[in-house]
Amino acid sequence: MNWKFWNKRRDSLPEPGSEDWDRALINRVVIEYLDDQRKRRRWSALFKLSILIYAVVTFAFTAQFLAPRSAPTEDHAALVEINGIIDADSDASADRIIFALRAAFESPLVKGVLLRINSPGGSLVQGGYINDEIRRLKEKYKKEHDGKEMPVYAIAVDICASGGYYVAVAADAIYVDKASLVGSIGVRMDGFGFQDTMEKLGIERRLLTAGVNKGILDPFSPLDPSQRDFIQGVLDRLHAQFIDAVKQGRGDKLKGGDELFSGLFWSGQEAVELGLADGLSNSTQIARDLLGTDKVVKYSKKRNPLDSMVRRLGAMVGFGIRESLGLTTSFVWLH
């Protein structure tokens, strides 16, 4: 294909041996060299500009996270936010929440902790970590301050369900909005089954395992009744742990029956009537009325967005490598 449209026009060289051939060849070499140098300078300038833009964007994203914050100098309520899915790799991970809780309990100026929760749940393990740490910190604080307790209040925003409620029951009291969604005390395990689809497509599944139950929950194999019973037993035991945590936290406040632990959820107003919550309020009102302060200081910190971008990029690259090698895996999440 002729790319004359994209290339600069070059005059043809004289025939070798002619009078002007040497001079024309030297001119052509010099011109080619100068063109190459100009291209190199352009690409170098473009690369440097890209580095500069990247540095500016990086600084803009991270400055707010790296800049030192002035420490509170007066009594205040410590606000710890739990937003979104409670998961090890989220803003609501146990590590992040516990870090904020410890900082709040260690500050001599904190009059109480406000757990503002807006979460549909997530990992029961992560929720359990936070629940246990709240109880541990309260007991430690009580011992170190001659029986004085650090008040901890949970405040539900839009939703405080499943793992979110698991965290809330460790608080001294739970407050909600009348339209909040509260409850969902249950455990679930998700998956799919494609056995019939594969049979219709004439696809043979070749799964080799060492261990008779190693392929349990494989989406392309039938689910054996004994394996189903085993999984149900695991879920029932996890559910029992969840129920125990709720009863330990709410005690005689609970006014409902077994339906409370069926996985259903209720409005904030209904949650108060069932004893799942103590009243209708918000963080500002609780700080003022129960803790005696109008000053609320946020102790929880979000992840650096660039860290999130790097993690996602790394995950995408890793997934692409595994997929190219035929090593992709299906995961089942427990909520």
C-alpha atoms as a PDB file:
ATOM      1  CA  MET A   1       0.000   0.000   0.000  1.00  0.00           C
ATOM      2  CA  ASN A   2       1.220   3.475  -0.860  1.00  0.00           C
ATOM      3  CA  TRP A   3       1.342   5.769   2.205  1.00  0.00           C
ATOM      4  CA  LYS A   4       2.280   8.968   0.329  1.00  0.00           C
ATOM      5  CA  PHE A   5      -0.482  10.789   2.209  1.00  0.00           C
ATOM      6  CA  TRP A   6       1.308  10.212   5.522  1.00  0.00           C
ATOM      7  CA  ASN A   7       4.925  10.672   4.379  1.00  0.00           C
ATOM      8  CA  LYS A   8       6.709  13.810   3.380  1.00  0.00           C
ATOM      9  CA  ARG A   9       7.516  13.957  -0.287  1.00  0.00           C
ATOM     10  CA  ARG A  10      11.152  13.096  -1.020  1.00  0.00           C
ATOM     11  CA  ASP A  11      12.846  14.116  -4.234  1.00  0.00           C
ATOM     12  CA  SER A  12      14.353  11.139  -5.970  1.00  0.00           C
ATOM     13  CA  LEU A  13      18.135  10.800  -5.965  1.00  0.00           C
ATOM     14  CA  PRO A  14      20.104  11.154  -9.195  1.00  0.00           C
ATOM     15  CA  GLU A  15      21.437   7.990 -10.747  1.00  0.00           C
ATOM     16  CA  PRO A  16      24.587   6.656  -9.009  1.00  0.00           C
ATOM     17  CA  GLY A  17      27.734   7.858 -10.790  1.00  0.00           C
ATOM     18  CA  SER A  18      26.119  11.070 -11.992  1.00  0.00           C
ATOM     19  CA  GLU A  19      27.661  14.437 -11.270  1.00  0.00           C
ATOM     20  CA  ASP A  20      25.292  15.474  -8.423  1.00  0.00           C
ATOM     21  CA  TRP A  21      24.770  12.025  -6.861  1.00  0.00           C
ATOM     22  CA  ASP A  22      27.280  12.456  -3.963  1.00  0.00           C
ATOM     23  CA  ARG A  23      25.923  15.863  -2.965  1.00  0.00           C
ATOM     24  CA  ALA A  24      22.288  14.684  -3.163  1.00  0.00           C
ATOM     25  CA  LEU A  25      23.067  11.619  -1.028  1.00  0.00           C
ATOM     26  CA  ILE A  26      24.754  13.755   1.646  1.00  0.00           C
ATOM     27  CA  ASN A  27      21.813  16.158   1.662  1.00  0.00           C
ATOM     28  CA  ARG A  28      19.373  13.265   2.020  1.00  0.00           C
ATOM     29  CA  VAL A  29      21.317  11.795   4.969  1.00  0.00           C
ATOM     30  CA  VAL A  30      21.466  15.196   6.718  1.00  0.00           C
ATOM     31  CA  ILE A  31      17.748  15.811   6.197  1.00  0.00           C
ATOM     32  CA  GLU A  32      16.850  12.325   7.508  1.00  0.00           C
ATOM     33  CA  TYR A  33      19.057  12.878  10.556  1.00  0.00           C
ATOM     34  CA  LEU A  34      17.491  16.252  11.344  1.00  0.00           C
ATOM     35  CA  ASP A  35      13.975  14.824  10.948  1.00  0.00           C
ATOM     36  CA  ASP A  36      14.853  11.995  13.300  1.00  0.00           C
ATOM     37  CA  GLN A  37      16.202  14.436  15.885  1.00  0.00           C
ATOM     38  CA  ARG A  38      13.031  16.543  15.710  1.00  0.00           C
ATOM     39  CA  LYS A  39      10.896  13.455  16.244  1.00  0.00           C
ATOM     40  CA  ARG A  40      12.995  12.435  19.220  1.00  0.00           C
ATOM     41  CA  ARG A  41      12.639  15.883  20.779  1.00  0.00           C
ATOM     42  CA  ARG A  42       8.872  15.838  20.262  1.00  0.00           C
ATOM     43  CA  TRP A  43       8.501  12.435  21.880  1.00  0.00           C
ATOM     44  CA  SER A  44      10.812  13.463  24.709  1.00  0.00           C
ATOM     45  CA  ALA A  45       8.747  16.589  25.337  1.00  0.00           C
ATOM     46  CA  LEU A  46       5.531  14.562  25.247  1.00  0.00           C
ATOM     47  CA  PHE A  47       6.941  12.041  27.718  1.00  0.00           C
ATOM     48  CA  LYS A  48       8.094  14.781  30.107  1.00  0.00           C
ATOM     49  CA  LEU A  49       4.700  16.463  29.848  1.00  0.00           C
ATOM     50  CA  SER A  50       2.989  13.164  30.696  1.00  0.00           C
ATOM     51  CA  ILE A  51       5.222  12.733  33.748  1.00  0.00           C
ATOM     52  CA  LEU A  52       4.407  16.287  34.850  1.00  0.00           C
ATOM     53  CA  ILE A  53       0.648  15.735  34.447  1.00  0.00           C
ATOM     54  CA  TYR A  54       0.883  12.442  36.363  1.00  0.00           C
ATOM     55  CA  ALA A  55       2.794  14.146  39.182  1.00  0.00           C
ATOM     56  CA  VAL A  56       0.248  16.971  39.412  1.00  0.00           C
ATOM     57  CA  VAL A  57      -2.705  14.560  39.454  1.00  0.00           C
ATOM     58  CA  THR A  58      -0.976  12.367  42.034  1.00  0.00           C
ATOM     59  CA  PHE A  59      -0.329  15.353  44.269  1.00  0.00           C
ATOM     60  CA  ALA A  60      -3.902  16.597  43.882  1.00  0.00           C
ATOM     61  CA  PHE A  61      -5.339  13.211  44.876  1.00  0.00           C
ATOM     62  CA  THR A  62      -2.992  12.539  47.778  1.00  0.00           C
ATOM     63  CA  ALA A  63      -2.512  15.965  49.309  1.00  0.00           C
ATOM     64  CA  GLN A  64      -5.737  15.758  51.264  1.00  0.00           C
ATOM     65  CA  PHE A  65      -4.716  12.372  52.668  1.00  0.00           C
ATOM     66  CA  LEU A  66      -1.099  13.217  53.488  1.00  0.00           C
ATOM     67  CA  ALA A  67      -1.618  16.696  54.868  1.00  0.00           C
ATOM     68  CA  PRO A  68      -1.398  16.663  58.666  1.00  0.00           C
ATOM     69  CA  ARG A  69      -4.656  17.401  60.399  1.00  0.00           C
ATOM     70  CA  SER A  70      -4.699  19.588  63.458  1.00  0.00           C
ATOM     71  CA  ALA A  71      -5.436  17.552  66.575  1.00  0.00           C
ATOM     72  CA  PRO A  72      -8.597  18.457  68.513  1.00  0.00           C
ATOM     73  CA  THR A  73      -7.928  20.680  71.499  1.00  0.00           C
ATOM     74  CA  GLU A  74     -11.303  20.446  73.228  1.00  0.00           C
ATOM     75  CA  ASP A  75     -13.764  17.789  74.308  1.00  0.00           C
ATOM     76  CA  HIS A  76     -15.602  16.214  71.407  1.00  0.00           C
ATOM     77  CA  ALA A  77     -17.491  13.182  70.117  1.00  0.00           C
ATOM     78  CA  ALA A  78     -15.489  10.791  67.944  1.00  0.00           C
ATOM     79  CA  LEU A  79     -17.247   9.855  64.710  1.00  0.00           C
ATOM     80  CA  VAL A  80     -16.343   6.513  63.131  1.00  0.00           C
ATOM     81  CA  GLU A  81     -18.092   5.875  59.812  1.00  0.00           C
ATOM     82  CA  ILE A  82     -18.860   2.453  58.352  1.00  0.00           C
ATOM     83  CA  ASN A  83     -19.919   3.009  54.758  1.00  0.00           C
ATOM     84  CA  GLY A  84     -20.585   0.363  52.129  1.00  0.00           C
ATOM     85  CA  ILE A  85     -19.728  -3.315  52.063  1.00  0.00           C
ATOM     86  CA  ILE A  86     -17.815  -4.528  55.115  1.00  0.00           C
ATOM     87  CA  ASP A  87     -14.934  -6.282  53.429  1.00  0.00           C
ATOM     88  CA  ALA A  88     -11.195  -6.689  53.936  1.00  0.00           C
ATOM     89  CA  ASP A  89     -10.444  -4.556  50.855  1.00  0.00           C
ATOM     90  CA  SER A  90     -12.944  -1.748  51.369  1.00  0.00           C
ATOM     91  CA  ASP A  91     -13.180   1.533  53.267  1.00  0.00           C
ATOM     92  CA  ALA A  92     -15.242  -0.411  55.807  1.00  0.00           C
ATOM     93  CA  SER A  93     -12.599  -3.071  56.450  1.00  0.00           C
ATOM     94  CA  ALA A  94     -12.059  -4.243  60.011  1.00  0.00           C
ATOM     95  CA  ASP A  95      -8.488  -2.914  60.000  1.00  0.00           C
ATOM     96  CA  ARG A  96      -9.575   0.614  59.116  1.00  0.00           C
ATOM     97  CA  ILE A  97     -12.513   0.693  61.494  1.00  0.00           C
ATOM     98  CA  ILE A  98     -10.522  -0.773  64.387  1.00  0.00           C
ATOM     99  CA  PHE A  99      -7.679   1.711  63.799  1.00  0.00           C
ATOM    100  CA  ALA A 100     -10.163   4.585  64.120  1.00  0.00           C
ATOM    101  CA  LEU A 101     -11.811   3.052  67.181  1.00  0.00           C
ATOM    102  CA  ARG A 102      -8.498   2.641  69.010  1.00  0.00           C
ATOM    103  CA  ALA A 103      -7.543   6.235  68.270  1.00  0.00           C
ATOM    104  CA  ALA A 104     -10.878   7.413  69.660  1.00  0.00           C
ATOM    105  CA  PHE A 105     -10.617   5.346  72.850  1.00  0.00           C
ATOM    106  CA  GLU A 106      -7.056   6.544  73.469  1.00  0.00           C
ATOM    107  CA  SER A 107      -7.852  10.248  73.180  1.00  0.00           C
ATOM    108  CA  PRO A 108      -8.427  11.939  76.558  1.00  0.00           C
ATOM    109  CA  LEU A 109     -10.716  14.479  74.884  1.00  0.00           C
ATOM    110  CA  VAL A 110     -13.249  11.990  73.507  1.00  0.00           C
ATOM    111  CA  LYS A 111     -16.514  11.977  75.445  1.00  0.00           C
ATOM    112  CA  GLY A 112     -18.047   9.161  73.434  1.00  0.00           C
ATOM    113  CA  VAL A 113     -17.896   7.257  70.154  1.00  0.00           C
ATOM    114  CA  LEU A 114     -20.498   7.560  67.409  1.00  0.00           C
ATOM    115  CA  LEU A 115     -20.615   4.624  64.991  1.00  0.00           C
ATOM    116  CA  ARG A 116     -22.445   5.967  61.951  1.00  0.00           C
ATOM    117  CA  ILE A 117     -23.377   2.933  59.865  1.00  0.00           C
ATOM    118  CA  ASN A 118     -24.626   2.898  56.302  1.00  0.00           C
ATOM    119  CA  SER A 119     -23.944  -0.671  55.195  1.00  0.00           C
ATOM    120  CA  PRO A 120     -25.916  -3.602  53.736  1.00  0.00           C
ATOM    121  CA  GLY A 121     -23.467  -6.012  55.379  1.00  0.00           C
ATOM    122  CA  GLY A 122     -20.604  -8.030  54.004  1.00  0.00           C
ATOM    123  CA  SER A 123     -18.143 -10.404  55.608  1.00  0.00           C
ATOM    124  CA  LEU A 124     -19.280 -11.879  58.904  1.00  0.00           C
ATOM    125  CA  VAL A 125     -15.623 -12.370  59.791  1.00  0.00           C
ATOM    126  CA  GLN A 126     -14.857  -8.659  59.310  1.00  0.00           C
ATOM    127  CA  GLY A 127     -18.023  -7.688  61.168  1.00  0.00           C
ATOM    128  CA  GLY A 128     -17.093 -10.080  63.960  1.00  0.00           C
ATOM    129  CA  TYR A 129     -13.634  -8.543  64.259  1.00  0.00           C
ATOM    130  CA  ILE A 130     -15.130  -5.080  64.735  1.00  0.00           C
ATOM    131  CA  ASN A 131     -17.772  -6.329  67.180  1.00  0.00           C
ATOM    132  CA  ASP A 132     -15.140  -8.089  69.305  1.00  0.00           C
ATOM    133  CA  GLU A 133     -12.819  -5.080  69.269  1.00  0.00           C
ATOM    134  CA  ILE A 134     -15.535  -2.688  70.433  1.00  0.00           C
ATOM    135  CA  ARG A 135     -16.251  -4.959  73.395  1.00  0.00           C
ATOM    136  CA  ARG A 136     -12.544  -5.355  74.143  1.00  0.00           C
ATOM    137  CA  LEU A 137     -11.890  -1.613  74.008  1.00  0.00           C
ATOM    138  CA  LYS A 138     -14.844  -0.856  76.259  1.00  0.00           C
ATOM    139  CA  GLU A 139     -13.636  -3.367  78.855  1.00  0.00           C
ATOM    140  CA  LYS A 140     -10.048  -2.104  78.649  1.00  0.00           C
ATOM    141  CA  TYR A 141     -11.144   1.518  79.012  1.00  0.00           C
ATOM    142  CA  LYS A 142     -13.296   0.632  82.009  1.00  0.00           C
ATOM    143  CA  LYS A 143     -10.378  -1.062  83.778  1.00  0.00           C
ATOM    144  CA  GLU A 144      -7.973   1.784  83.060  1.00  0.00           C
ATOM    145  CA  HIS A 145     -10.408   4.498  84.197  1.00  0.00           C
ATOM    146  CA  ASP A 146     -11.619   3.046  87.511  1.00  0.00           C
ATOM    147  CA  GLY A 147     -14.921   1.732  86.217  1.00  0.00           C
ATOM    148  CA  LYS A 148     -15.743   4.728  84.028  1.00  0.00           C
ATOM    149  CA  GLU A 149     -17.184   3.658  80.684  1.00  0.00           C
ATOM    150  CA  MET A 150     -16.688   5.079  77.214  1.00  0.00           C
ATOM    151  CA  PRO A 151     -20.163   5.496  75.665  1.00  0.00           C
ATOM    152  CA  VAL A 152     -20.524   3.960  72.214  1.00  0.00           C
ATOM    153  CA  TYR A 153     -23.637   4.703  70.172  1.00  0.00           C
ATOM    154  CA  ALA A 154     -24.498   3.196  66.790  1.00  0.00           C
ATOM    155  CA  ILE A 155     -26.458   5.348  64.352  1.00  0.00           C
ATOM    156  CA  ALA A 156     -28.080   3.770  61.302  1.00  0.00           C
ATOM    157  CA  VAL A 157     -28.347   5.960  58.233  1.00  0.00           C
ATOM    158  CA  ASP A 158     -30.028   4.479  55.143  1.00  0.00           C
ATOM    159  CA  ILE A 159     -29.322   0.845  55.934  1.00  0.00           C
ATOM    160  CA  CYS A 160     -27.869  -1.095  58.840  1.00  0.00           C
ATOM    161  CA  ALA A 161     -28.285  -4.725  57.873  1.00  0.00           C
ATOM    162  CA  SER A 162     -26.574  -8.086  58.192  1.00  0.00           C
ATOM    163  CA  GLY A 163     -22.877  -7.467  58.943  1.00  0.00           C
ATOM    164  CA  GLY A 164     -23.646  -3.796  59.558  1.00  0.00           C
ATOM    165  CA  TYR A 165     -26.090  -4.749  62.290  1.00  0.00           C
ATOM    166  CA  TYR A 166     -23.566  -7.288  63.606  1.00  0.00           C
ATOM    167  CA  VAL A 167     -21.279  -4.314  64.327  1.00  0.00           C
ATOM    168  CA  ALA A 168     -24.083  -2.154  65.734  1.00  0.00           C
ATOM    169  CA  VAL A 169     -25.111  -4.603  68.469  1.00  0.00           C
ATOM    170  CA  ALA A 170     -21.745  -4.099  70.200  1.00  0.00           C
ATOM    171  CA  ALA A 171     -22.745  -0.496  70.974  1.00  0.00           C
ATOM    172  CA  ASP A 172     -24.466   0.661  74.148  1.00  0.00           C
ATOM    173  CA  ALA A 173     -27.484   1.763  72.126  1.00  0.00           C
ATOM    174  CA  ILE A 174     -28.641   1.830  68.514  1.00  0.00           C
ATOM    175  CA  TYR A 175     -30.418   4.814  66.988  1.00  0.00           C
ATOM    176  CA  VAL A 176     -32.067   4.946  63.578  1.00  0.00           C
ATOM    177  CA  ASP A 177     -34.053   7.141  61.260  1.00  0.00           C
ATOM    178  CA  LYS A 178     -37.693   6.166  60.885  1.00  0.00           C
ATOM    179  CA  ALA A 179     -36.977   5.222  57.249  1.00  0.00           C
ATOM    180  CA  SER A 180     -33.730   3.314  57.871  1.00  0.00           C
ATOM    181  CA  LEU A 181     -33.639  -0.362  56.926  1.00  0.00           C
ATOM    182  CA  VAL A 182     -32.541  -2.488  59.863  1.00  0.00           C
ATOM    183  CA  GLY A 183     -32.048  -6.212  60.470  1.00  0.00           C
ATOM    184  CA  SER A 184     -31.371  -8.967  57.929  1.00  0.00           C
ATOM    185  CA  ILE A 185     -29.959 -11.220  60.654  1.00  0.00           C
ATOM    186  CA  GLY A 186     -28.973 -14.176  58.517  1.00  0.00           C
ATOM    187  CA  VAL A 187     -26.246 -15.796  56.458  1.00  0.00           C
ATOM    188  CA  ARG A 188     -26.143 -16.532  52.735  1.00  0.00           C
ATOM    189  CA  MET A 189     -23.868 -18.277  50.284  1.00  0.00           C
ATOM    190  CA  ASP A 190     -24.205 -17.549  46.574  1.00  0.00           C
ATOM    191  CA  GLY A 191     -23.476 -19.715  43.572  1.00  0.00           C
ATOM    192  CA  PHE A 192     -24.760 -20.939  40.194  1.00  0.00           C
ATOM    193  CA  GLY A 193     -25.330 -24.298  38.572  1.00  0.00           C
ATOM    194  CA  PHE A 194     -24.766 -24.848  34.844  1.00  0.00           C
ATOM    195  CA  GLN A 195     -24.966 -28.641  34.657  1.00  0.00           C
ATOM    196  CA  ASP A 196     -28.127 -28.812  32.516  1.00  0.00           C
ATOM    197  CA  THR A 197     -26.858 -26.059  30.236  1.00  0.00           C
ATOM    198  CA  MET A 198     -23.636 -27.978  29.597  1.00  0.00           C
ATOM    199  CA  GLU A 199     -25.555 -31.158  28.837  1.00  0.00           C
ATOM    200  CA  LYS A 200     -27.724 -29.321  26.312  1.00  0.00           C
ATOM    201  CA  LEU A 201     -24.624 -27.872  24.668  1.00  0.00           C
ATOM    202  CA  GLY A 202     -22.921 -31.248  24.635  1.00  0.00           C
ATOM    203  CA  ILE A 203     -20.043 -30.084  26.816  1.00  0.00           C
ATOM    204  CA  GLU A 204     -18.250 -32.602  28.995  1.00  0.00           C
ATOM    205  CA  ARG A 205     -16.982 -31.400  32.366  1.00  0.00           C
ATOM    206  CA  ARG A 206     -13.554 -32.802  33.269  1.00  0.00           C
ATOM    207  CA  LEU A 207     -12.919 -32.085  36.928  1.00  0.00           C
ATOM    208  CA  LEU A 208     -10.105 -33.950  38.663  1.00  0.00           C
ATOM    209  CA  THR A 209      -9.782 -33.714  42.439  1.00  0.00           C
ATOM    210  CA  ALA A 210      -7.840 -35.319  45.261  1.00  0.00           C
ATOM    211  CA  GLY A 211     -10.454 -35.540  47.997  1.00  0.00           C
ATOM    212  CA  VAL A 212     -14.006 -36.677  47.431  1.00  0.00           C
ATOM    213  CA  ASN A 213     -15.500 -33.289  48.386  1.00  0.00           C
ATOM    214  CA  LYS A 214     -12.824 -31.034  46.914  1.00  0.00           C
ATOM    215  CA  GLY A 215     -15.091 -30.076  44.024  1.00  0.00           C
ATOM    216  CA  ILE A 216     -17.953 -29.045  46.297  1.00  0.00           C
ATOM    217  CA  LEU A 217     -19.966 -26.101  44.888  1.00  0.00           C
ATOM    218  CA  ASP A 218     -18.379 -26.498  41.457  1.00  0.00           C
ATOM    219  CA  PRO A 219     -20.948 -24.697  39.256  1.00  0.00           C
ATOM    220  CA  PHE A 220     -20.587 -27.243  36.429  1.00  0.00           C
ATOM    221  CA  SER A 221     -21.180 -30.327  38.563  1.00  0.00           C
ATOM    222  CA  PRO A 222     -24.346 -31.526  40.322  1.00  0.00           C
ATOM    223  CA  LEU A 223     -24.660 -30.708  44.020  1.00  0.00           C
ATOM    224  CA  ASP A 224     -24.679 -33.929  45.982  1.00  0.00           C
ATOM    225  CA  PRO A 225     -27.411 -34.071  48.700  1.00  0.00           C
ATOM    226  CA  SER A 226     -24.837 -34.882  51.380  1.00  0.00           C
ATOM    227  CA  GLN A 227     -22.763 -31.872  50.353  1.00  0.00           C
ATOM    228  CA  ARG A 228     -25.860 -29.666  50.428  1.00  0.00           C
ATOM    229  CA  ASP A 229     -26.576 -30.847  53.976  1.00  0.00           C
ATOM    230  CA  PHE A 230     -22.979 -30.160  54.983  1.00  0.00           C
ATOM    231  CA  ILE A 231     -23.065 -26.595  53.617  1.00  0.00           C
ATOM    232  CA  GLN A 232     -26.407 -25.937  55.268  1.00  0.00           C
ATOM    233  CA  GLY A 233     -24.910 -27.090  58.567  1.00  0.00           C
ATOM    234  CA  VAL A 234     -22.033 -24.620  58.168  1.00  0.00           C
ATOM    235  CA  LEU A 235     -24.480 -21.779  57.437  1.00  0.00           C
ATOM    236  CA  ASP A 236     -26.641 -22.737  60.416  1.00  0.00           C
ATOM    237  CA  ARG A 237     -23.641 -22.619  62.753  1.00  0.00           C
ATOM    238  CA  LEU A 238     -22.576 -19.223  61.425  1.00  0.00           C
ATOM    239  CA  HIS A 239     -26.159 -18.032  61.810  1.00  0.00           C
ATOM    240  CA  ALA A 240     -26.159 -19.219  65.420  1.00  0.00           C
ATOM    241  CA  GLN A 241     -23.006 -17.173  66.080  1.00  0.00           C
ATOM    242  CA  PHE A 242     -24.696 -14.117  64.605  1.00  0.00           C
ATOM    243  CA  ILE A 243     -27.810 -14.673  66.748  1.00  0.00           C
ATOM    244  CA  ASP A 244     -25.696 -15.061  69.892  1.00  0.00           C
ATOM    245  CA  ALA A 245     -23.957 -11.742  69.165  1.00  0.00           C
ATOM    246  CA  VAL A 246     -27.321  -9.997  68.715  1.00  0.00           C
ATOM    247  CA  LYS A 247     -28.760 -11.457  71.917  1.00  0.00           C
ATOM    248  CA  GLN A 248     -25.595 -10.565  73.817  1.00  0.00           C
ATOM    249  CA  GLY A 249     -25.784  -6.996  72.596  1.00  0.00           C
ATOM    250  CA  ARG A 250     -29.515  -6.385  72.806  1.00  0.00           C
ATOM    251  CA  GLY A 251     -30.486  -8.719  75.659  1.00  0.00           C
ATOM    252  CA  ASP A 252     -33.972  -8.153  77.061  1.00  0.00           C
ATOM    253  CA  LYS A 253     -34.558  -5.246  74.674  1.00  0.00           C
ATOM    254  CA  LEU A 254     -35.586  -7.691  71.952  1.00  0.00           C
ATOM    255  CA  LYS A 255     -39.377  -7.916  71.783  1.00  0.00           C
ATOM    256  CA  GLY A 256     -39.878 -10.145  68.764  1.00  0.00           C
ATOM    257  CA  GLY A 257     -39.607 -13.887  68.257  1.00  0.00           C
ATOM    258  CA  ASP A 258     -37.716 -16.083  65.824  1.00  0.00           C
ATOM    259  CA  GLU A 259     -38.786 -13.860  62.932  1.00  0.00           C
ATOM    260  CA  LEU A 260     -36.121 -11.413  64.083  1.00  0.00           C
ATOM    261  CA  PHE A 261     -33.465 -13.920  63.009  1.00  0.00           C
ATOM    262  CA  SER A 262     -35.093 -15.036  59.757  1.00  0.00           C
ATOM    263  CA  GLY A 263     -33.203 -12.632  57.495  1.00  0.00           C
ATOM    264  CA  LEU A 264     -36.072 -10.131  57.279  1.00  0.00           C
ATOM    265  CA  PHE A 265     -35.463  -6.422  57.678  1.00  0.00           C
ATOM    266  CA  TRP A 266     -37.656  -3.603  58.937  1.00  0.00           C
ATOM    267  CA  SER A 267     -38.001   0.155  58.821  1.00  0.00           C
ATOM    268  CA  GLY A 268     -36.363   2.160  61.577  1.00  0.00           C
ATOM    269  CA  GLN A 269     -39.696   2.786  63.270  1.00  0.00           C
ATOM    270  CA  GLU A 270     -40.502  -0.938  63.275  1.00  0.00           C
ATOM    271  CA  ALA A 271     -36.971  -1.754  64.473  1.00  0.00           C
ATOM    272  CA  VAL A 272     -37.562   0.400  67.559  1.00  0.00           C
ATOM    273  CA  GLU A 273     -40.840  -1.366  68.248  1.00  0.00           C
ATOM    274  CA  LEU A 274     -39.161  -4.786  67.921  1.00  0.00           C
ATOM    275  CA  GLY A 275     -36.260  -3.849  70.172  1.00  0.00           C
ATOM    276  CA  LEU A 276     -33.685  -3.979  67.391  1.00  0.00           C
ATOM    277  CA  ALA A 277     -33.041  -0.264  67.969  1.00  0.00           C
ATOM    278  CA  ASP A 278     -33.493   2.110  70.916  1.00  0.00           C
ATOM    279  CA  GLY A 279     -34.889   5.225  69.309  1.00  0.00           C
ATOM    280  CA  LEU A 280     -34.989   7.719  66.476  1.00  0.00           C
ATOM    281  CA  SER A 281     -32.069  10.136  66.315  1.00  0.00           C
ATOM    282  CA  ASN A 282     -28.949  11.181  64.411  1.00  0.00           C
ATOM    283  CA  SER A 283     -25.280  11.646  65.203  1.00  0.00           C
ATOM    284  CA  THR A 284     -25.448  15.419  65.773  1.00  0.00           C
ATOM    285  CA  GLN A 285     -28.396  15.127  68.121  1.00  0.00           C
ATOM    286  CA  ILE A 286     -26.820  12.254  70.073  1.00  0.00           C
ATOM    287  CA  ALA A 287     -23.557  14.166  70.486  1.00  0.00           C
ATOM    288  CA  ARG A 288     -25.455  17.157  71.840  1.00  0.00           C
ATOM    289  CA  ASP A 289     -28.084  15.409  73.977  1.00  0.00           C
ATOM    290  CA  LEU A 290     -26.238  12.333  75.269  1.00  0.00           C
ATOM    291  CA  LEU A 291     -22.584  13.406  75.199  1.00  0.00           C
ATOM    292  CA  GLY A 292     -23.038  17.093  75.947  1.00  0.00           C
ATOM    293  CA  THR A 293     -20.982  18.439  73.055  1.00  0.00           C
ATOM    294  CA  ASP A 294     -21.649  20.088  69.710  1.00  0.00           C
ATOM    295  CA  LYS A 295     -18.186  19.238  68.403  1.00  0.00           C
ATOM    296  CA  VAL A 296     -17.952  16.035  66.347  1.00  0.00           C
ATOM    297  CA  VAL A 297     -14.566  14.949  64.984  1.00  0.00           C
ATOM    298  CA  LYS A 298     -14.271  12.312  62.273  1.00  0.00           C
ATOM    299  CA  TYR A 299     -11.759   9.606  63.156  1.00  0.00           C
ATOM    300  CA  SER A 300     -12.277   7.257  60.231  1.00  0.00           C
ATOM    301  CA  LYS A 301     -10.228   7.827  57.092  1.00  0.00           C
ATOM    302  CA  LYS A 302     -10.898   6.803  53.518  1.00  0.00           C
ATOM    303  CA  ARG A 303      -8.401   4.999  51.379  1.00  0.00           C
ATOM    304  CA  ASN A 304      -6.157   6.977  49.062  1.00  0.00           C
ATOM    305  CA  PRO A 305      -7.982   6.796  45.685  1.00  0.00           C
ATOM    306  CA  LEU A 306      -4.679   6.166  43.912  1.00  0.00           C
ATOM    307  CA  ASP A 307      -4.153   3.094  46.079  1.00  0.00           C
ATOM    308  CA  SER A 308      -7.539   1.846  44.929  1.00  0.00           C
ATOM    309  CA  MET A 309      -6.634   2.482  41.297  1.00  0.00           C
ATOM    310  CA  VAL A 310      -3.351   0.580  41.665  1.00  0.00           C
ATOM    311  CA  ARG A 311      -5.104  -2.325  43.395  1.00  0.00           C
ATOM    312  CA  ARG A 312      -7.723  -2.542  40.664  1.00  0.00           C
ATOM    313  CA  LEU A 313      -5.115  -2.306  37.926  1.00  0.00           C
ATOM    314  CA  GLY A 314      -3.093  -5.058  39.604  1.00  0.00           C
ATOM    315  CA  ALA A 315      -6.194  -7.204  39.941  1.00  0.00           C
ATOM    316  CA  MET A 316      -7.054  -6.698  36.260  1.00  0.00           C
ATOM    317  CA  VAL A 317      -3.526  -7.615  35.170  1.00  0.00           C
ATOM    318  CA  GLY A 318      -3.492 -10.639  37.458  1.00  0.00           C
ATOM    319  CA  PHE A 319      -6.870 -11.790  36.171  1.00  0.00           C
ATOM    320  CA  GLY A 320      -5.729 -11.387  32.580  1.00  0.00           C
ATOM    321  CA  ILE A 321      -2.636 -13.487  33.245  1.00  0.00           C
ATOM    322  CA  ARG A 322      -4.632 -16.218  34.989  1.00  0.00           C
ATOM    323  CA  GLU A 323      -7.216 -16.214  32.211  1.00  0.00           C
ATOM    324  CA  SER A 324      -4.561 -16.511  29.507  1.00  0.00           C
ATOM    325  CA  LEU A 325      -3.126 -19.503  31.364  1.00  0.00           C
ATOM    326  CA  GLY A 326      -6.540 -21.074  31.948  1.00  0.00           C
ATOM    327  CA  LEU A 327      -6.290 -20.578  35.724  1.00  0.00           C
ATOM    328  CA  THR A 328      -9.420 -18.477  36.388  1.00  0.00           C
ATOM    329  CA  THR A 329     -11.353 -19.476  39.491  1.00  0.00           C
ATOM    330  CA  SER A 330     -14.961 -19.011  40.588  1.00  0.00           C
ATOM    331  CA  PHE A 331     -15.394 -17.630  44.097  1.00  0.00           C
ATOM    332  CA  VAL A 332     -18.332 -17.975  46.447  1.00  0.00           C
ATOM    333  CA  TRP A 333     -18.856 -15.074  48.783  1.00  0.00           C
ATOM    334  CA  LEU A 334     -20.244 -15.401  52.277  1.00  0.00           C
ATOM    335  CA  HIS A 335     -22.409 -12.553  53.569  1.00  0.00           C
END
